[in-house]
Amino acid sequence: MKKLLPHILFLFSFNTSVFSQSIKNKDTFTEIVAQEEGDLNNDKKPDKVILEMDVKSDTRPLRVQIFLSQPNIKTSKLIVSSTKIIESQYPKNRNGQHNGNPIPDFFIEDGNLQMLTDINDLKSRYTFKFQNGNFELIKISRVIWDGKNKTSETEIDLVKGIKIEFDQELGSDKILNKKQKSVKFKLLPKIQDLTFSQLETY
C-alpha cells in the first residue's frame, strides 16, 4: 500500500490539473450576435466573420473572429480573434450601466472587411484589407449631424496619408469648410492590435 500511495497521489494531482485546465480553457463566448460571409483573401472562396458575446460575464464583452478559407482543404483557419476592438456592453467603469451605444456592424464589401460604429452619435466606418498576412486598417470615414441642417464629415486614407474634413448642408452636394492635411503612419494598424478607444483617436 505504501508503494501505491505515491502513484495514487500523482494520478489525483494530474487529473485535478487536467480538469482545472479544461475549465480554464472553456470558451465563454457562446452567443452569436452576427455572422457574415464573403471573400476576404481573394481566392473566390467564402470566408467568415463571427461576432460573439460572453453572456455569462456581467460586462457582456464581445469578440470578433475572422476565419479564412485555405487552399486544398475544406476547413477555414482562424486568423483573427479580438475582444479589444469593441467595448463591452456594460463596462466596469460604468458601474453596471450600459455603454449607451449599439453593437458595431461588420460586413464584407469589395473584398474588404467593413466595421460600422455609432459612438455618441458619431458614425464611423473602418475599412480593413487583408494584406501582408494581416487585416490592416486602410480607411476611415466619419459623419456627425449637428441636429439642425448640417453634417461634419471626415475621410482618412491611411495608405496615402491624407485626412480631409468638411461640412455639408442637408440636401446639398456643396462642400463647405474643406480642410486637408497630411497624416503619417509608419505602419498600418492591425485589427488585432486596435482597441475601441484607439479607433476614436484617429
Protein backbone atom coordinates (compact mmCIF):
# COMPACT_ATOMS: atom_id res chain seq x y z
CA MET A 1 0.00 0.00 0.00
CA LYS A 2 2.87 2.35 0.81
CA LYS A 3 4.27 1.78 -2.68
CA LEU A 4 0.91 2.52 -4.31
CA LEU A 5 0.23 5.71 -2.33
CA PRO A 6 2.65 7.98 -4.30
CA HIS A 7 1.15 6.75 -7.58
CA ILE A 8 -2.40 7.40 -6.36
CA LEU A 9 -1.46 10.91 -5.23
CA PHE A 10 0.23 11.58 -8.57
CA LEU A 11 -2.82 10.43 -10.55
CA PHE A 12 -5.12 12.53 -8.37
CA SER A 13 -2.92 15.58 -8.85
CA PHE A 14 -2.70 15.00 -12.62
CA ASN A 15 -6.47 14.59 -13.04
CA THR A 16 -7.14 17.70 -10.96
CA SER A 17 -4.71 19.68 -13.09
CA VAL A 18 -6.30 18.49 -16.34
CA PHE A 19 -9.79 19.25 -15.03
CA SER A 20 -8.75 22.75 -13.93
CA GLN A 21 -7.11 23.37 -17.30
CA SER A 22 -10.24 22.27 -19.17
CA ILE A 23 -12.35 24.69 -17.12
CA LYS A 24 -9.86 27.48 -17.73
CA ASN A 25 -9.84 26.87 -21.48
CA LYS A 26 -13.62 26.61 -21.82
CA ASP A 27 -14.92 29.15 -24.32
CA THR A 28 -17.37 31.54 -22.67
CA PHE A 29 -18.30 33.44 -25.85
CA THR A 30 -21.32 31.30 -26.62
CA GLU A 31 -23.86 33.80 -28.00
CA ILE A 32 -23.54 34.55 -31.72
CA VAL A 33 -24.54 38.17 -32.30
CA ALA A 34 -23.83 38.34 -36.03
CA GLN A 35 -22.21 36.31 -38.79
CA GLU A 36 -21.07 37.37 -42.25
CA GLU A 37 -19.59 35.50 -45.20
CA GLY A 38 -17.65 36.73 -48.21
CA ASP A 39 -14.29 36.58 -49.95
CA LEU A 40 -11.65 38.41 -47.91
CA ASN A 41 -8.43 36.86 -49.23
CA ASN A 42 -9.27 36.98 -52.94
CA ASP A 43 -9.37 33.22 -53.50
CA LYS A 44 -13.02 33.14 -54.62
CA LYS A 45 -13.94 31.06 -51.56
CA PRO A 46 -16.23 32.14 -48.72
CA ASP A 47 -14.57 33.46 -45.58
CA LYS A 48 -16.40 34.08 -42.34
CA VAL A 49 -16.65 36.83 -39.73
CA ILE A 50 -18.34 35.95 -36.44
CA LEU A 51 -19.30 38.37 -33.67
CA GLU A 52 -19.93 36.70 -30.31
CA MET A 53 -20.85 37.75 -26.78
CA ASP A 54 -19.99 36.32 -23.38
CA VAL A 55 -23.44 36.39 -21.78
CA LYS A 56 -22.20 34.89 -18.51
CA SER A 57 -19.96 37.86 -17.78
CA ASP A 58 -21.56 40.87 -16.09
CA THR A 59 -19.80 43.21 -18.52
CA ARG A 60 -21.06 41.35 -21.63
CA PRO A 61 -17.79 41.52 -23.61
CA LEU A 62 -17.80 40.95 -27.37
CA ARG A 63 -15.37 39.04 -29.56
CA VAL A 64 -14.85 39.24 -33.29
CA GLN A 65 -13.26 36.30 -35.08
CA ILE A 66 -12.23 36.04 -38.72
CA PHE A 67 -11.85 32.68 -40.46
CA LEU A 68 -10.19 32.45 -43.87
CA SER A 69 -10.51 29.63 -46.37
CA GLN A 70 -7.39 27.58 -47.00
CA PRO A 71 -6.09 26.09 -50.27
CA ASN A 72 -6.86 22.42 -50.91
CA ILE A 73 -8.81 21.93 -47.67
CA LYS A 74 -12.44 22.49 -46.75
CA THR A 75 -11.92 23.84 -43.25
CA SER A 76 -11.22 27.52 -42.58
CA LYS A 77 -8.41 28.85 -40.41
CA LEU A 78 -8.85 31.28 -37.54
CA ILE A 79 -6.79 34.36 -38.46
CA VAL A 80 -8.05 36.99 -36.01
CA SER A 81 -9.64 36.83 -32.58
CA SER A 82 -10.09 40.11 -30.74
CA THR A 83 -12.01 41.24 -27.67
CA LYS A 84 -10.37 44.68 -27.61
CA ILE A 85 -11.81 46.36 -30.68
CA ILE A 86 -15.37 46.51 -29.29
CA GLU A 87 -16.33 48.00 -25.94
CA SER A 88 -18.15 45.73 -23.50
CA GLN A 89 -21.87 46.35 -23.24
CA TYR A 90 -21.63 47.07 -19.51
CA PRO A 91 -18.09 48.38 -18.90
CA LYS A 92 -16.65 48.14 -15.40
CA ASN A 93 -16.13 51.89 -15.22
CA ARG A 94 -19.89 52.46 -15.66
CA ASN A 95 -20.88 50.50 -12.56
CA GLY A 96 -23.38 48.23 -14.26
CA GLN A 97 -24.72 50.81 -16.71
CA HIS A 98 -24.93 50.17 -20.47
CA ASN A 99 -22.34 51.96 -22.60
CA GLY A 100 -25.16 53.69 -24.46
CA ASN A 101 -24.05 52.68 -27.95
CA PRO A 102 -25.27 50.00 -30.38
CA ILE A 103 -23.14 46.96 -31.14
CA PRO A 104 -20.93 47.61 -34.21
CA ASP A 105 -21.85 46.03 -37.54
CA PHE A 106 -19.41 44.00 -39.62
CA PHE A 107 -19.83 43.23 -43.31
CA ILE A 108 -17.73 42.38 -46.34
CA GLU A 109 -17.64 44.70 -49.34
CA ASP A 110 -15.30 44.71 -52.35
CA GLY A 111 -13.10 42.13 -50.67
CA ASN A 112 -12.57 44.28 -47.57
CA LEU A 113 -13.88 43.99 -44.04
CA GLN A 114 -16.06 46.92 -43.02
CA MET A 115 -16.81 47.87 -39.42
CA LEU A 116 -19.57 50.39 -38.66
CA THR A 117 -19.79 52.09 -35.27
CA ASP A 118 -22.11 54.67 -33.74
CA ILE A 119 -20.41 56.21 -30.71
CA ASN A 120 -22.24 59.13 -29.12
CA ASP A 121 -23.91 59.88 -32.48
CA LEU A 122 -20.56 59.90 -34.32
CA LYS A 123 -21.00 57.35 -37.09
CA SER A 124 -17.75 55.80 -38.32
CA ARG A 125 -16.80 53.30 -40.97
CA TYR A 126 -13.48 51.46 -40.72
CA THR A 127 -12.13 49.57 -43.73
CA PHE A 128 -9.71 46.69 -43.18
CA LYS A 129 -7.84 45.00 -46.01
CA PHE A 130 -6.20 41.57 -45.77
CA GLN A 131 -2.59 42.09 -46.82
CA ASN A 132 0.83 41.10 -45.53
CA GLY A 133 -0.85 38.29 -43.61
CA ASN A 134 -2.95 40.70 -41.52
CA PHE A 135 -6.13 42.75 -41.64
CA GLU A 136 -4.79 46.30 -41.82
CA LEU A 137 -6.78 49.49 -41.36
CA ILE A 138 -6.64 51.41 -44.65
CA LYS A 139 -9.51 53.91 -44.50
CA ILE A 140 -11.77 55.72 -42.02
CA SER A 141 -14.96 57.64 -42.81
CA ARG A 142 -16.90 59.62 -40.21
CA VAL A 143 -20.01 61.77 -40.11
CA ILE A 144 -21.90 63.57 -37.36
CA TRP A 145 -25.11 65.62 -37.61
CA ASP A 146 -25.40 68.91 -35.73
CA GLY A 147 -29.07 68.29 -35.00
CA LYS A 148 -30.16 71.01 -37.41
CA ASN A 149 -29.25 71.14 -41.10
CA LYS A 150 -25.53 70.39 -41.29
CA THR A 151 -23.23 67.38 -41.14
CA SER A 152 -19.50 67.35 -40.46
CA GLU A 153 -17.54 64.62 -42.22
CA THR A 154 -14.03 63.21 -42.08
CA GLU A 155 -12.22 60.99 -44.59
CA ILE A 156 -8.86 59.44 -43.69
CA ASP A 157 -6.82 57.48 -46.22
CA LEU A 158 -4.15 55.76 -44.16
CA VAL A 159 -2.36 54.39 -47.23
CA LYS A 160 -1.97 57.79 -48.92
CA GLY A 161 -1.59 59.62 -45.61
CA ILE A 162 -4.36 62.15 -46.26
CA LYS A 163 -7.05 63.47 -43.90
CA ILE A 164 -9.93 65.55 -45.28
CA GLU A 165 -12.55 67.34 -43.17
CA PHE A 166 -15.58 69.22 -44.50
CA ASP A 167 -19.16 70.25 -43.78
CA GLN A 168 -22.30 69.77 -45.83
CA GLU A 169 -25.81 71.12 -45.58
CA LEU A 170 -28.57 68.54 -45.72
CA GLY A 171 -29.93 68.10 -49.25
CA SER A 172 -26.93 69.82 -50.83
CA ASP A 173 -23.86 68.44 -52.58
CA LYS A 174 -21.88 71.61 -51.91
CA ILE A 175 -18.73 71.11 -49.82
CA LEU A 176 -18.14 73.70 -47.08
CA ASN A 177 -15.12 74.48 -44.91
CA LYS A 178 -12.94 71.85 -46.55
CA LYS A 179 -9.60 71.18 -44.87
CA GLN A 180 -6.92 68.76 -45.99
CA LYS A 181 -3.73 67.76 -44.25
CA SER A 182 -1.11 65.05 -44.34
CA VAL A 183 -1.03 62.34 -41.70
CA LYS A 184 1.82 59.88 -41.35
CA PHE A 185 1.61 56.25 -40.34
CA LYS A 186 4.82 54.26 -40.08
CA LEU A 187 2.80 51.05 -40.11
CA LEU A 188 -0.84 50.42 -40.89
CA PRO A 189 -2.72 49.41 -37.71
CA LYS A 190 -3.68 45.73 -37.48
CA ILE A 191 -7.18 44.84 -36.37
CA GLN A 192 -5.98 42.52 -33.59
CA ASP A 193 -3.86 45.30 -32.05
CA LEU A 194 -6.52 48.01 -32.03
CA THR A 195 -8.76 48.87 -29.09
CA PHE A 196 -12.12 50.60 -29.39
CA SER A 197 -10.71 53.68 -27.65
CA GLN A 198 -7.75 53.86 -30.05
CA LEU A 199 -10.07 53.87 -33.06
CA GLU A 200 -11.74 57.03 -31.81
CA THR A 201 -8.42 58.91 -31.69
CA TYR A 202 -7.78 58.83 -35.44
